[in-house]
PDB file of N, CA and C in Angstrom:
ATOM      1  N   MET A   1      21.391  23.267 -14.795  1.00  0.00           N
ATOM      2  CA  MET A   1      21.070  24.616 -14.422  1.00  0.00           C
ATOM      3  C   MET A   1      22.260  25.218 -13.686  1.00  0.00           C
ATOM      4  N   GLN A   2      22.616  26.412 -14.045  1.00  0.00           N
ATOM      5  CA  GLN A   2      23.733  27.091 -13.404  1.00  0.00           C
ATOM      6  C   GLN A   2      23.201  28.020 -12.333  1.00  0.00           C
ATOM      7  N   SER A   3      23.979  28.203 -11.298  1.00  0.00           N
ATOM      8  CA  SER A   3      23.521  28.971 -10.138  1.00  0.00           C
ATOM      9  C   SER A   3      23.161  30.408 -10.505  1.00  0.00           C
ATOM     10  N   GLY A   4      21.873  30.666 -10.596  1.00  0.00           N
ATOM     11  CA  GLY A   4      21.388  32.016 -10.841  1.00  0.00           C
ATOM     12  C   GLY A   4      21.609  32.531 -12.245  1.00  0.00           C
ATOM     13  N   ARG A   5      22.003  31.687 -13.176  1.00  0.00           N
ATOM     14  CA  ARG A   5      22.302  32.137 -14.535  1.00  0.00           C
ATOM     15  C   ARG A   5      21.310  31.626 -15.565  1.00  0.00           C
ATOM     16  N   GLU A   6      20.274  30.953 -15.104  1.00  0.00           N
ATOM     17  CA  GLU A   6      19.302  30.396 -16.033  1.00  0.00           C
ATOM     18  C   GLU A   6      17.906  30.517 -15.440  1.00  0.00           C
ATOM     19  N   ILE A   7      16.960  30.904 -16.290  1.00  0.00           N
ATOM     20  CA  ILE A   7      15.554  30.968 -15.897  1.00  0.00           C
ATOM     21  C   ILE A   7      14.803  29.996 -16.793  1.00  0.00           C
ATOM     22  N   ARG A   8      14.073  29.075 -16.182  1.00  0.00           N
ATOM     23  CA  ARG A   8      13.246  28.130 -16.932  1.00  0.00           C
ATOM     24  C   ARG A   8      11.785  28.441 -16.657  1.00  0.00           C
ATOM     25  N   VAL A   9      11.032  28.623 -17.729  1.00  0.00           N
ATOM     26  CA  VAL A   9       9.610  28.930 -17.627  1.00  0.00           C
ATOM     27  C   VAL A   9       8.852  27.755 -18.225  1.00  0.00           C
ATOM     28  N   MET A  10       8.044  27.093 -17.408  1.00  0.00           N
ATOM     29  CA  MET A  10       7.237  25.970 -17.878  1.00  0.00           C
ATOM     30  C   MET A  10       5.848  26.506 -18.247  1.00  0.00           C
ATOM     31  N   VAL A  11       5.401  26.211 -19.471  1.00  0.00           N
ATOM     32  CA  VAL A  11       4.084  26.664 -19.919  1.00  0.00           C
ATOM     33  C   VAL A  11       3.251  25.461 -20.346  1.00  0.00           C
ATOM     34  N   LEU A  12       1.954  25.624 -20.307  1.00  0.00           N
ATOM     35  CA  LEU A  12       1.042  24.566 -20.745  1.00  0.00           C
ATOM     36  C   LEU A  12       0.959  24.579 -22.270  1.00  0.00           C
ATOM     37  N   PRO A  13       1.159  23.432 -22.919  1.00  0.00           N
ATOM     38  CA  PRO A  13       1.175  23.412 -24.382  1.00  0.00           C
ATOM     39  C   PRO A  13      -0.165  23.761 -25.021  1.00  0.00           C
ATOM     40  N   ASP A  14      -1.265  23.575 -24.296  1.00  0.00           N
ATOM     41  CA  ASP A  14      -2.564  23.928 -24.867  1.00  0.00           C
ATOM     42  C   ASP A  14      -2.909  25.400 -24.669  1.00  0.00           C
ATOM     43  N   LYS A  15      -2.114  26.133 -23.897  1.00  0.00           N
ATOM     44  CA  LYS A  15      -2.367  27.550 -23.644  1.00  0.00           C
ATOM     45  C   LYS A  15      -1.471  28.471 -24.466  1.00  0.00           C
ATOM     46  N   ILE A  16      -0.333  27.962 -24.951  1.00  0.00           N
ATOM     47  CA  ILE A  16       0.628  28.802 -25.661  1.00  0.00           C
ATOM     48  C   ILE A  16       1.218  27.995 -26.819  1.00  0.00           C
ATOM     49  N   ASP A  17       1.326  28.618 -27.995  1.00  0.00           N
ATOM     50  CA  ASP A  17       1.893  27.912 -29.144  1.00  0.00           C
ATOM     51  C   ASP A  17       3.392  28.200 -29.261  1.00  0.00           C
ATOM     52  N   ASP A  18       4.031  27.604 -30.265  1.00  0.00           N
ATOM     53  CA  ASP A  18       5.483  27.734 -30.413  1.00  0.00           C
ATOM     54  C   ASP A  18       5.914  29.186 -30.601  1.00  0.00           C
ATOM     55  N   LEU A  19       5.220  29.916 -31.448  1.00  0.00           N
ATOM     56  CA  LEU A  19       5.577  31.312 -31.699  1.00  0.00           C
ATOM     57  C   LEU A  19       5.436  32.148 -30.431  1.00  0.00           C
ATOM     58  N   ALA A  20       4.382  31.918 -29.675  1.00  0.00           N
ATOM     59  CA  ALA A  20       4.184  32.654 -28.425  1.00  0.00           C
ATOM     60  C   ALA A  20       5.258  32.306 -27.402  1.00  0.00           C
ATOM     61  N   ALA A  21       5.761  31.073 -27.425  1.00  0.00           N
ATOM     62  CA  ALA A  21       6.838  30.681 -26.515  1.00  0.00           C
ATOM     63  C   ALA A  21       8.108  31.466 -26.828  1.00  0.00           C
ATOM     64  N   PHE A  22       8.437  31.615 -28.111  1.00  0.00           N
ATOM     65  CA  PHE A  22       9.596  32.420 -28.496  1.00  0.00           C
ATOM     66  C   PHE A  22       9.411  33.882 -28.095  1.00  0.00           C
ATOM     67  N   THR A  23       8.209  34.398 -28.303  1.00  0.00           N
ATOM     68  CA  THR A  23       7.920  35.785 -27.937  1.00  0.00           C
ATOM     69  C   THR A  23       8.034  35.988 -26.434  1.00  0.00           C
ATOM     70  N   LEU A  24       7.533  35.042 -25.652  1.00  0.00           N
ATOM     71  CA  LEU A  24       7.622  35.123 -24.198  1.00  0.00           C
ATOM     72  C   LEU A  24       9.075  35.129 -23.737  1.00  0.00           C
ATOM     73  N   ALA A  25       9.900  34.260 -24.311  1.00  0.00           N
ATOM     74  CA  ALA A  25      11.321  34.215 -23.949  1.00  0.00           C
ATOM     75  C   ALA A  25      11.999  35.545 -24.262  1.00  0.00           C
ATOM     76  N   LYS A  26      11.693  36.128 -25.424  1.00  0.00           N
ATOM     77  CA  LYS A  26      12.287  37.410 -25.794  1.00  0.00           C
ATOM     78  C   LYS A  26      11.820  38.517 -24.865  1.00  0.00           C
ATOM     79  N   ASN A  27      10.534  38.525 -24.512  1.00  0.00           N
ATOM     80  CA  ASN A  27      10.011  39.554 -23.607  1.00  0.00           C
ATOM     81  C   ASN A  27      10.664  39.466 -22.231  1.00  0.00           C
ATOM     82  N   ILE A  28      10.845  38.265 -21.724  1.00  0.00           N
ATOM     83  CA  ILE A  28      11.504  38.086 -20.426  1.00  0.00           C
ATOM     84  C   ILE A  28      12.948  38.558 -20.508  1.00  0.00           C
ATOM     85  N   LYS A  29      13.640  38.189 -21.599  1.00  0.00           N
ATOM     86  CA  LYS A  29      15.026  38.618 -21.801  1.00  0.00           C
ATOM     87  C   LYS A  29      15.139  40.136 -21.835  1.00  0.00           C
ATOM     88  N   ASP A  30      14.223  40.782 -22.552  1.00  0.00           N
ATOM     89  CA  ASP A  30      14.235  42.243 -22.642  1.00  0.00           C
ATOM     90  C   ASP A  30      14.012  42.892 -21.283  1.00  0.00           C
ATOM     91  N   ARG A  31      13.084  42.362 -20.500  1.00  0.00           N
ATOM     92  CA  ARG A  31      12.837  42.923 -19.163  1.00  0.00           C
ATOM     93  C   ARG A  31      14.036  42.754 -18.252  1.00  0.00           C
ATOM     94  N   ILE A  32      14.705  41.606 -18.327  1.00  0.00           N
ATOM     95  CA  ILE A  32      15.905  41.384 -17.513  1.00  0.00           C
ATOM     96  C   ILE A  32      16.975  42.406 -17.882  1.00  0.00           C
ATOM     97  N   GLU A  33      17.199  42.595 -19.193  1.00  0.00           N
ATOM     98  CA  GLU A  33      18.216  43.547 -19.642  1.00  0.00           C
ATOM     99  C   GLU A  33      17.901  44.971 -19.215  1.00  0.00           C
ATOM    100  N   ASN A  34      16.620  45.344 -19.233  1.00  0.00           N
ATOM    101  CA  ASN A  34      16.228  46.723 -18.930  1.00  0.00           C
ATOM    102  C   ASN A  34      16.080  47.016 -17.444  1.00  0.00           C
ATOM    103  N   GLU A  35      15.741  46.018 -16.642  1.00  0.00           N
ATOM    104  CA  GLU A  35      15.391  46.273 -15.249  1.00  0.00           C
ATOM    105  C   GLU A  35      16.396  45.761 -14.233  1.00  0.00           C
ATOM    106  N   MET A  36      17.387  44.980 -14.661  1.00  0.00           N
ATOM    107  CA  MET A  36      18.315  44.380 -13.701  1.00  0.00           C
ATOM    108  C   MET A  36      19.760  44.733 -14.038  1.00  0.00           C
ATOM    109  N   THR A  37      20.598  44.673 -13.015  1.00  0.00           N
ATOM    110  CA  THR A  37      22.038  44.777 -13.191  1.00  0.00           C
ATOM    111  C   THR A  37      22.632  43.455 -12.739  1.00  0.00           C
ATOM    112  N   TYR A  38      23.420  42.825 -13.602  1.00  0.00           N
ATOM    113  CA  TYR A  38      23.953  41.501 -13.296  1.00  0.00           C
ATOM    114  C   TYR A  38      25.258  41.305 -14.064  1.00  0.00           C
ATOM    115  N   PRO A  39      26.177  40.538 -13.510  1.00  0.00           N
ATOM    116  CA  PRO A  39      27.403  40.219 -14.242  1.00  0.00           C
ATOM    117  C   PRO A  39      27.176  39.017 -15.163  1.00  0.00           C
ATOM    118  N   GLY A  40      27.781  39.009 -16.315  1.00  0.00           N
ATOM    119  CA  GLY A  40      27.690  37.852 -17.201  1.00  0.00           C
ATOM    120  C   GLY A  40      26.382  37.779 -17.961  1.00  0.00           C
ATOM    121  N   GLN A  41      25.915  36.557 -18.179  1.00  0.00           N
ATOM    122  CA  GLN A  41      24.722  36.310 -18.973  1.00  0.00           C
ATOM    123  C   GLN A  41      23.695  35.523 -18.176  1.00  0.00           C
ATOM    124  N   ILE A  42      22.428  35.703 -18.542  1.00  0.00           N
ATOM    125  CA  ILE A  42      21.338  34.913 -17.974  1.00  0.00           C
ATOM    126  C   ILE A  42      20.597  34.274 -19.146  1.00  0.00           C
ATOM    127  N   LYS A  43      20.459  32.960 -19.101  1.00  0.00           N
ATOM    128  CA  LYS A  43      19.778  32.214 -20.160  1.00  0.00           C
ATOM    129  C   LYS A  43      18.306  32.057 -19.794  1.00  0.00           C
ATOM    130  N   VAL A  44      17.413  32.382 -20.743  1.00  0.00           N
ATOM    131  CA  VAL A  44      15.973  32.241 -20.534  1.00  0.00           C
ATOM    132  C   VAL A  44      15.475  31.103 -21.425  1.00  0.00           C
ATOM    133  N   SER A  45      14.859  30.089 -20.819  1.00  0.00           N
ATOM    134  CA  SER A  45      14.311  28.952 -21.561  1.00  0.00           C
ATOM    135  C   SER A  45      12.820  28.846 -21.279  1.00  0.00           C
ATOM    136  N   VAL A  46      12.021  28.806 -22.347  1.00  0.00           N
ATOM    137  CA  VAL A  46      10.588  28.552 -22.210  1.00  0.00           C
ATOM    138  C   VAL A  46      10.370  27.111 -22.656  1.00  0.00           C
ATOM    139  N   ILE A  47       9.855  26.300 -21.750  1.00  0.00           N
ATOM    140  CA  ILE A  47       9.676  24.871 -22.011  1.00  0.00           C
ATOM    141  C   ILE A  47       8.190  24.601 -22.201  1.00  0.00           C
ATOM    142  N   ARG A  48       7.870  24.106 -23.378  1.00  0.00           N
ATOM    143  CA  ARG A  48       6.488  23.797 -23.739  1.00  0.00           C
ATOM    144  C   ARG A  48       6.480  22.360 -24.228  1.00  0.00           C
ATOM    145  N   GLU A  49       6.006  21.472 -23.388  1.00  0.00           N
ATOM    146  CA  GLU A  49       6.020  20.073 -23.790  1.00  0.00           C
ATOM    147  C   GLU A  49       4.747  19.372 -23.346  1.00  0.00           C
ATOM    148  N   TYR A  50       4.427  18.358 -24.081  1.00  0.00           N
ATOM    149  CA  TYR A  50       3.281  17.517 -23.764  1.00  0.00           C
ATOM    150  C   TYR A  50       3.810  16.127 -23.474  1.00  0.00           C
ATOM    151  N   ARG A  51       3.398  15.557 -22.370  1.00  0.00           N
ATOM    152  CA  ARG A  51       3.851  14.215 -21.998  1.00  0.00           C
ATOM    153  C   ARG A  51       2.660  13.271 -21.951  1.00  0.00           C
ATOM    154  N   ALA A  52       2.812  12.150 -22.603  1.00  0.00           N
ATOM    155  CA  ALA A  52       1.819  11.085 -22.517  1.00  0.00           C
ATOM    156  C   ALA A  52       2.474   9.946 -21.746  1.00  0.00           C
ATOM    157  N   VAL A  53       1.919   9.596 -20.598  1.00  0.00           N
ATOM    158  CA  VAL A  53       2.526   8.598 -19.724  1.00  0.00           C
ATOM    159  C   VAL A  53       1.496   7.529 -19.401  1.00  0.00           C
ATOM    160  N   GLU A  54       1.901   6.291 -19.533  1.00  0.00           N
ATOM    161  CA  GLU A  54       1.079   5.147 -19.147  1.00  0.00           C
ATOM    162  C   GLU A  54       1.917   4.257 -18.249  1.00  0.00           C
ATOM    163  N   THR A  55       1.276   3.578 -17.305  1.00  0.00           N
ATOM    164  CA  THR A  55       1.978   2.676 -16.397  1.00  0.00           C
ATOM    165  C   THR A  55       1.410   1.276 -16.546  1.00  0.00           C
ATOM    166  N   ALA A  56       2.283   0.314 -16.808  1.00  0.00           N
ATOM    167  CA  ALA A  56       1.866  -1.084 -16.915  1.00  0.00           C
ATOM    168  C   ALA A  56       2.045  -1.745 -15.558  1.00  0.00           C
ATOM    169  N   LYS A  57       1.040  -2.545 -15.151  1.00  0.00           N
ATOM    170  CA  LYS A  57       1.114  -3.235 -13.858  1.00  0.00           C
ATOM    171  C   LYS A  57       1.145  -4.716 -14.073  1.00  0.00           C
TER     172      LYS A  57
END
């Protein structure tokens, strides 16, 4: 992660599908471009993952 140049959005995989994740990233990008003034670029990442974890004792 770069200082102030990246936004990571964690979503629940059962609440949002892949297409909606892309749409959400684009909507956030559009709002940043329209509502903020900033030098350079800001990367928007929507992370949608499912983790299955087991622990052996």
